Amino acid sequence: MLYIVAYDIPNDRRRTKVHKALCGFGAWTQYSLFECFLDARELVRLRARLDDLLEPDEDSVRIYPLCQACQKSVETIGSPAPKESVTFIM
């Protein structure tokens, strides 16, 4: 499933750590926004990783799930629409 992950973190060091962590889960598409294709296990791992990095009183992370029907309705202006990456192992 495609998840949109948006974050607002005022601390530069924590924001950098969150950004680097999210790079391991999806594509950085805008300043504080990632598009992540995750299965249930990966989503649990992502949440656990974020729990380790965030200060709940100061930081905000929102994870929006997009079903396949919603993905087809995404309108993108100025950059490619989100696509799940494909890996070939030979």
Protein backbone atom coordinates (compact mmCIF):
# COMPACT_ATOMS: atom_id res chain seq x y z
CA MET A 1 0.00 0.00 0.00
CA LEU A 2 1.15 3.54 -0.66
CA TYR A 3 1.59 5.76 2.38
CA ILE A 4 2.24 9.48 2.34
CA VAL A 5 4.45 10.44 5.28
CA ALA A 6 4.61 14.12 6.15
CA TYR A 7 6.59 15.53 9.03
CA ASP A 8 7.12 18.80 10.90
CA ILE A 9 10.12 18.66 13.21
CA PRO A 10 11.59 21.92 14.55
CA ASN A 11 14.91 20.44 15.73
CA ASP A 12 17.45 20.25 12.88
CA ARG A 13 19.30 17.21 14.24
CA ARG A 14 16.12 15.17 14.82
CA ARG A 15 14.68 16.26 11.46
CA THR A 16 17.85 15.02 9.72
CA LYS A 17 17.65 11.67 11.55
CA VAL A 18 13.98 11.25 10.61
CA HIS A 19 14.73 12.17 6.99
CA LYS A 20 17.55 9.59 6.82
CA ALA A 21 15.33 6.94 8.41
CA LEU A 22 12.52 7.61 5.94
CA CYS A 23 14.97 7.34 3.01
CA GLY A 24 15.19 3.64 3.87
CA PHE A 25 11.43 3.23 3.48
CA GLY A 26 10.41 5.34 0.50
CA ALA A 27 11.01 8.17 -1.93
CA TRP A 28 11.58 11.75 -0.82
CA THR A 29 9.27 13.74 -3.06
CA GLN A 30 8.97 17.12 -1.39
CA TYR A 31 10.69 19.01 1.42
CA SER A 32 9.01 17.15 4.32
CA LEU A 33 7.11 14.48 2.44
CA PHE A 34 7.83 10.88 1.50
CA GLU A 35 5.90 8.39 -0.62
CA CYS A 36 6.38 4.90 0.79
CA PHE A 37 5.09 1.61 -0.61
CA LEU A 38 4.94 -0.57 2.51
CA ASP A 39 3.51 -3.89 3.53
CA ALA A 40 2.15 -4.40 7.07
CA ARG A 41 5.52 -5.50 8.47
CA GLU A 42 7.39 -2.54 6.97
CA LEU A 43 4.79 -0.14 8.37
CA VAL A 44 5.33 -1.56 11.87
CA ARG A 45 9.12 -1.20 11.43
CA LEU A 46 8.69 2.41 10.24
CA ARG A 47 6.49 3.33 13.21
CA ALA A 48 8.96 1.74 15.63
CA ARG A 49 11.86 3.60 14.03
CA LEU A 50 10.00 6.91 14.25
CA ASP A 51 9.04 6.26 17.89
CA ASP A 52 12.77 5.98 18.67
CA LEU A 53 13.57 9.30 16.99
CA LEU A 54 10.69 11.66 17.79
CA GLU A 55 9.88 13.94 20.70
CA PRO A 56 6.07 13.66 20.90
CA ASP A 57 5.66 17.07 22.56
CA GLU A 58 7.55 18.87 19.78
CA ASP A 59 7.41 16.77 16.60
CA SER A 60 4.60 15.80 14.29
CA VAL A 61 4.53 12.98 11.76
CA ARG A 62 1.43 12.07 9.78
CA ILE A 63 1.06 8.82 7.85
CA TYR A 64 -1.72 8.82 5.26
CA PRO A 65 -2.65 5.51 3.61
CA LEU A 66 -3.75 5.66 -0.02
CA CYS A 67 -5.73 2.74 -1.41
CA GLN A 68 -5.27 1.73 -5.05
CA ALA A 69 -8.38 3.63 -6.11
CA CYS A 70 -7.08 6.77 -4.39
CA GLN A 71 -3.65 6.33 -5.98
CA LYS A 72 -5.27 6.44 -9.40
CA SER A 73 -6.92 9.74 -8.44
CA VAL A 74 -3.66 11.44 -7.40
CA GLU A 75 -3.03 14.49 -9.51
CA THR A 76 0.62 15.39 -9.97
CA ILE A 77 1.74 18.66 -11.48
CA GLY A 78 5.42 19.19 -12.25
CA SER A 79 6.88 15.81 -11.31
CA PRO A 80 6.22 12.12 -11.93
CA ALA A 81 3.31 10.44 -10.17
CA PRO A 82 4.23 7.96 -7.40
CA LYS A 83 5.18 4.50 -8.64
CA GLU A 84 6.20 1.43 -6.72
CA SER A 85 9.79 0.56 -7.50
CA VAL A 86 10.45 -2.81 -9.05
CA THR A 87 13.52 -4.88 -8.20
CA PHE A 88 14.79 -7.62 -10.46
CA ILE A 89 17.02 -10.31 -8.99
CA MET A 90 18.96 -12.39 -11.47
